[in-house]
Amino acid sequence: MKLIHAINDLTATHKDLLGLSKQKTEALTNNKLDEFQALLLEEQKLIRQLEKQEKKRQEVVEAWNEEQEYSVDSLTITEILQRLDGEEQKMAEDAAITLTDTITELKRQEQLNKALLEESMKFVQLSMELVNPSIKSMNYGAASSDKLSGRSLFDSKA
């Protein structure tokens, strides 16, 4: 059945994205930013591929729905499974479960990557604040300018 094939294609691409996501995690934890950027480019290619596969899956479902002569505008996988029989139903159900499990694992992995990125950004922000402190934290103000009596910090006699 074309629908099962379309779901399997989606699953394969999601598994590729999952592998890439794990590589991103490794690159982030090892501070390999060049590798991370290259992985982001590869991820964009896979996302474009995924979009094409999803469009194809939608077309297959629409064509199947027309063949079955049902007048439903949008079908869920549950509705499709209820209309299938025997081995075809089992294969479609297994394919849908595998896809769902892969997507769930991918979401978890990407949440980990997001947390790692946020921690990295906090570290960079803290580092920037330590290297380049703000004017407020330098204790310059009216009280300290009175003590200097108009002399610059670098105006000293040799």
C-alpha atoms as a PDB file:
ATOM      1  CA  MET A   1       0.000   0.000   0.000  1.00  0.00           C
ATOM      2  CA  LYS A   2       1.304   3.438  -0.937  1.00  0.00           C
ATOM      3  CA  LEU A   3       0.332   4.909   2.430  1.00  0.00           C
ATOM      4  CA  ILE A   4       2.524   2.459   4.327  1.00  0.00           C
ATOM      5  CA  HIS A   5       5.402   3.227   1.993  1.00  0.00           C
ATOM      6  CA  ALA A   6       4.897   6.990   2.543  1.00  0.00           C
ATOM      7  CA  ILE A   7       4.840   6.515   6.328  1.00  0.00           C
ATOM      8  CA  ASN A   8       7.998   4.404   6.167  1.00  0.00           C
ATOM      9  CA  ASP A   9       9.731   7.126   4.134  1.00  0.00           C
ATOM     10  CA  LEU A  10       8.753   9.684   6.795  1.00  0.00           C
ATOM     11  CA  THR A  11      10.054   7.374   9.517  1.00  0.00           C
ATOM     12  CA  ALA A  12      13.393   6.916   7.754  1.00  0.00           C
ATOM     13  CA  THR A  13      13.873  10.675   7.417  1.00  0.00           C
ATOM     14  CA  HIS A  14      12.884  11.229  11.057  1.00  0.00           C
ATOM     15  CA  LYS A  15      15.448   8.591  12.071  1.00  0.00           C
ATOM     16  CA  ASP A  16      18.067  10.452  10.030  1.00  0.00           C
ATOM     17  CA  LEU A  17      17.082  13.642  11.861  1.00  0.00           C
ATOM     18  CA  LEU A  18      17.349  11.808  15.182  1.00  0.00           C
ATOM     19  CA  GLY A  19      20.873  10.654  14.353  1.00  0.00           C
ATOM     20  CA  LEU A  20      21.763  14.189  13.355  1.00  0.00           C
ATOM     21  CA  SER A  21      20.259  15.508  16.581  1.00  0.00           C
ATOM     22  CA  LYS A  22      22.469  13.148  18.594  1.00  0.00           C
ATOM     23  CA  GLN A  23      25.494  14.386  16.639  1.00  0.00           C
ATOM     24  CA  LYS A  24      24.458  17.962  17.463  1.00  0.00           C
ATOM     25  CA  THR A  25      24.339  17.035  21.146  1.00  0.00           C
ATOM     26  CA  GLU A  26      27.850  15.630  20.939  1.00  0.00           C
ATOM     27  CA  ALA A  27      29.105  18.705  19.077  1.00  0.00           C
ATOM     28  CA  LEU A  28      27.543  20.989  21.691  1.00  0.00           C
ATOM     29  CA  THR A  29      28.973  19.090  24.635  1.00  0.00           C
ATOM     30  CA  ASN A  30      32.438  19.047  23.050  1.00  0.00           C
ATOM     31  CA  ASN A  31      32.237  22.730  22.049  1.00  0.00           C
ATOM     32  CA  LYS A  32      32.715  21.976  18.341  1.00  0.00           C
ATOM     33  CA  LEU A  33      30.867  24.935  16.882  1.00  0.00           C
ATOM     34  CA  ASP A  34      32.030  24.445  13.280  1.00  0.00           C
ATOM     35  CA  GLU A  35      30.762  20.878  13.340  1.00  0.00           C
ATOM     36  CA  PHE A  36      27.500  22.054  14.920  1.00  0.00           C
ATOM     37  CA  GLN A  37      26.964  24.612  12.136  1.00  0.00           C
ATOM     38  CA  ALA A  38      27.603  21.972   9.475  1.00  0.00           C
ATOM     39  CA  LEU A  39      25.047  19.724  11.168  1.00  0.00           C
ATOM     40  CA  LEU A  40      22.506  22.552  11.111  1.00  0.00           C
ATOM     41  CA  LEU A  41      22.944  22.841   7.336  1.00  0.00           C
ATOM     42  CA  GLU A  42      22.463  19.095   6.934  1.00  0.00           C
ATOM     43  CA  GLU A  43      19.396  19.320   9.161  1.00  0.00           C
ATOM     44  CA  GLN A  44      17.869  21.944   6.864  1.00  0.00           C
ATOM     45  CA  LYS A  45      18.278  19.587   3.902  1.00  0.00           C
ATOM     46  CA  LEU A  46      16.533  16.794   5.784  1.00  0.00           C
ATOM     47  CA  ILE A  47      13.709  19.120   6.801  1.00  0.00           C
ATOM     48  CA  ARG A  48      13.129  20.074   3.163  1.00  0.00           C
ATOM     49  CA  GLN A  49      13.101  16.381   2.277  1.00  0.00           C
ATOM     50  CA  LEU A  50      10.638  15.754   5.102  1.00  0.00           C
ATOM     51  CA  GLU A  51       8.330  18.481   3.810  1.00  0.00           C
ATOM     52  CA  LYS A  52       8.272  16.833   0.370  1.00  0.00           C
ATOM     53  CA  GLN A  53       7.567  13.438   1.891  1.00  0.00           C
ATOM     54  CA  GLU A  54       4.743  14.832   4.005  1.00  0.00           C
ATOM     55  CA  LYS A  55       3.186  16.418   0.930  1.00  0.00           C
ATOM     56  CA  LYS A  56       3.424  13.084  -0.866  1.00  0.00           C
ATOM     57  CA  ARG A  57       1.807  11.321   2.114  1.00  0.00           C
ATOM     58  CA  GLN A  58      -1.075  13.787   2.042  1.00  0.00           C
ATOM     59  CA  GLU A  59      -1.570  13.185  -1.672  1.00  0.00           C
ATOM     60  CA  VAL A  60      -1.575   9.408  -1.125  1.00  0.00           C
ATOM     61  CA  VAL A  61      -4.185   9.740   1.630  1.00  0.00           C
ATOM     62  CA  GLU A  62      -6.368  11.985  -0.528  1.00  0.00           C
ATOM     63  CA  ALA A  63      -6.147   9.567  -3.451  1.00  0.00           C
ATOM     64  CA  TRP A  64      -6.932   6.609  -1.185  1.00  0.00           C
ATOM     65  CA  ASN A  65      -9.877   8.492   0.301  1.00  0.00           C
ATOM     66  CA  GLU A  66     -11.265   9.172  -3.197  1.00  0.00           C
ATOM     67  CA  GLU A  67     -10.851   5.503  -4.136  1.00  0.00           C
ATOM     68  CA  GLN A  68     -12.772   4.497  -1.034  1.00  0.00           C
ATOM     69  CA  GLU A  69     -15.444   7.059  -1.914  1.00  0.00           C
ATOM     70  CA  TYR A  70     -15.601   8.559   1.558  1.00  0.00           C
ATOM     71  CA  SER A  71     -16.535  12.206   1.937  1.00  0.00           C
ATOM     72  CA  VAL A  72     -14.163  13.165   4.718  1.00  0.00           C
ATOM     73  CA  ASP A  73     -12.095  16.323   4.292  1.00  0.00           C
ATOM     74  CA  SER A  74      -9.250  15.222   6.526  1.00  0.00           C
ATOM     75  CA  LEU A  75      -8.456  11.725   7.706  1.00  0.00           C
ATOM     76  CA  THR A  76      -6.606  10.716  10.836  1.00  0.00           C
ATOM     77  CA  ILE A  77      -4.497   7.592  10.976  1.00  0.00           C
ATOM     78  CA  THR A  78      -7.054   6.101  13.368  1.00  0.00           C
ATOM     79  CA  GLU A  79      -9.850   6.569  10.812  1.00  0.00           C
ATOM     80  CA  ILE A  80      -7.703   5.060   8.080  1.00  0.00           C
ATOM     81  CA  LEU A  81      -6.800   2.064  10.255  1.00  0.00           C
ATOM     82  CA  GLN A  82     -10.474   1.421  10.960  1.00  0.00           C
ATOM     83  CA  ARG A  83     -11.138   1.171   7.223  1.00  0.00           C
ATOM     84  CA  LEU A  84      -8.300  -1.259   6.510  1.00  0.00           C
ATOM     85  CA  ASP A  85      -8.478  -5.016   6.884  1.00  0.00           C
ATOM     86  CA  GLY A  86      -6.179  -7.770   8.093  1.00  0.00           C
ATOM     87  CA  GLU A  87      -2.519  -7.655   7.217  1.00  0.00           C
ATOM     88  CA  GLU A  88      -2.736  -4.208   5.628  1.00  0.00           C
ATOM     89  CA  GLN A  89      -4.195  -2.787   8.844  1.00  0.00           C
ATOM     90  CA  LYS A  90      -1.445  -4.418  10.941  1.00  0.00           C
ATOM     91  CA  MET A  91       1.312  -3.108   8.658  1.00  0.00           C
ATOM     92  CA  ALA A  92      -0.132   0.414   8.639  1.00  0.00           C
ATOM     93  CA  GLU A  93      -0.542   0.367  12.422  1.00  0.00           C
ATOM     94  CA  ASP A  94       3.056  -0.809  12.943  1.00  0.00           C
ATOM     95  CA  ALA A  95       4.337   1.867  10.559  1.00  0.00           C
ATOM     96  CA  ALA A  96       2.345   4.574  12.351  1.00  0.00           C
ATOM     97  CA  ILE A  97       3.579   3.445  15.779  1.00  0.00           C
ATOM     98  CA  THR A  98       7.197   3.392  14.605  1.00  0.00           C
ATOM     99  CA  LEU A  99       6.829   6.891  13.154  1.00  0.00           C
ATOM    100  CA  THR A 100       5.227   8.195  16.349  1.00  0.00           C
ATOM    101  CA  ASP A 101       7.946   6.646  18.529  1.00  0.00           C
ATOM    102  CA  THR A 102      10.682   8.112  16.344  1.00  0.00           C
ATOM    103  CA  ILE A 103       9.113  11.578  16.423  1.00  0.00           C
ATOM    104  CA  THR A 104       8.759  11.379  20.215  1.00  0.00           C
ATOM    105  CA  GLU A 105      12.415  10.411  20.632  1.00  0.00           C
ATOM    106  CA  LEU A 106      13.463  13.194  18.243  1.00  0.00           C
ATOM    107  CA  LYS A 107      11.499  15.734  20.293  1.00  0.00           C
ATOM    108  CA  ARG A 108      13.229  14.588  23.495  1.00  0.00           C
ATOM    109  CA  GLN A 109      16.637  14.821  21.868  1.00  0.00           C
ATOM    110  CA  GLU A 110      15.925  18.300  20.513  1.00  0.00           C
ATOM    111  CA  GLN A 111      14.740  19.431  23.969  1.00  0.00           C
ATOM    112  CA  LEU A 112      18.111  18.296  25.318  1.00  0.00           C
ATOM    113  CA  ASN A 113      19.876  20.257  22.572  1.00  0.00           C
ATOM    114  CA  LYS A 114      17.786  23.308  23.379  1.00  0.00           C
ATOM    115  CA  ALA A 115      18.719  23.067  27.062  1.00  0.00           C
ATOM    116  CA  LEU A 116      22.401  22.694  26.146  1.00  0.00           C
ATOM    117  CA  LEU A 117      22.219  25.728  23.873  1.00  0.00           C
ATOM    118  CA  GLU A 118      20.520  27.795  26.564  1.00  0.00           C
ATOM    119  CA  GLU A 119      23.215  26.841  29.071  1.00  0.00           C
ATOM    120  CA  SER A 120      25.891  27.718  26.528  1.00  0.00           C
ATOM    121  CA  MET A 121      24.277  31.093  25.932  1.00  0.00           C
ATOM    122  CA  LYS A 122      24.131  31.773  29.670  1.00  0.00           C
ATOM    123  CA  PHE A 123      27.811  30.908  29.942  1.00  0.00           C
ATOM    124  CA  VAL A 124      28.686  33.197  27.023  1.00  0.00           C
ATOM    125  CA  GLN A 125      26.610  36.013  28.535  1.00  0.00           C
ATOM    126  CA  LEU A 126      28.314  35.590  31.908  1.00  0.00           C
ATOM    127  CA  SER A 127      31.723  35.523  30.246  1.00  0.00           C
ATOM    128  CA  MET A 128      30.923  38.686  28.317  1.00  0.00           C
ATOM    129  CA  GLU A 129      29.808  40.431  31.510  1.00  0.00           C
ATOM    130  CA  LEU A 130      33.037  39.443  33.249  1.00  0.00           C
ATOM    131  CA  VAL A 131      35.214  40.602  30.347  1.00  0.00           C
ATOM    132  CA  ASN A 132      33.253  43.774  29.666  1.00  0.00           C
ATOM    133  CA  PRO A 133      31.624  44.922  32.919  1.00  0.00           C
ATOM    134  CA  SER A 134      28.857  47.432  32.765  1.00  0.00           C
ATOM    135  CA  ILE A 135      29.357  51.087  33.680  1.00  0.00           C
ATOM    136  CA  LYS A 136      27.143  50.668  36.757  1.00  0.00           C
ATOM    137  CA  SER A 137      29.378  47.970  38.207  1.00  0.00           C
ATOM    138  CA  MET A 138      32.531  50.098  37.985  1.00  0.00           C
ATOM    139  CA  ASN A 139      31.566  52.365  40.927  1.00  0.00           C
ATOM    140  CA  TYR A 140      31.942  55.570  38.987  1.00  0.00           C
ATOM    141  CA  GLY A 141      29.669  58.293  40.167  1.00  0.00           C
ATOM    142  CA  ALA A 142      29.402  61.559  42.085  1.00  0.00           C
ATOM    143  CA  ALA A 143      30.964  60.176  45.281  1.00  0.00           C
ATOM    144  CA  SER A 144      34.090  58.885  43.606  1.00  0.00           C
ATOM    145  CA  SER A 145      34.622  61.982  41.416  1.00  0.00           C
ATOM    146  CA  ASP A 146      34.840  64.193  44.531  1.00  0.00           C
ATOM    147  CA  LYS A 147      37.753  62.148  45.816  1.00  0.00           C
ATOM    148  CA  LEU A 148      39.757  62.571  42.622  1.00  0.00           C
ATOM    149  CA  SER A 149      39.432  66.382  42.754  1.00  0.00           C
ATOM    150  CA  GLY A 150      39.384  66.831  39.011  1.00  0.00           C
ATOM    151  CA  ARG A 151      42.452  64.751  38.201  1.00  0.00           C
ATOM    152  CA  SER A 152      42.337  61.952  35.720  1.00  0.00           C
ATOM    153  CA  LEU A 153      43.266  58.465  36.834  1.00  0.00           C
ATOM    154  CA  PHE A 154      46.283  58.650  34.552  1.00  0.00           C
ATOM    155  CA  ASP A 155      47.386  62.171  35.596  1.00  0.00           C
ATOM    156  CA  SER A 156      50.225  61.309  37.887  1.00  0.00           C
ATOM    157  CA  LYS A 157      53.623  62.871  38.186  1.00  0.00           C
ATOM    158  CA  ALA A 158      56.606  60.805  37.340  1.00  0.00           C
END
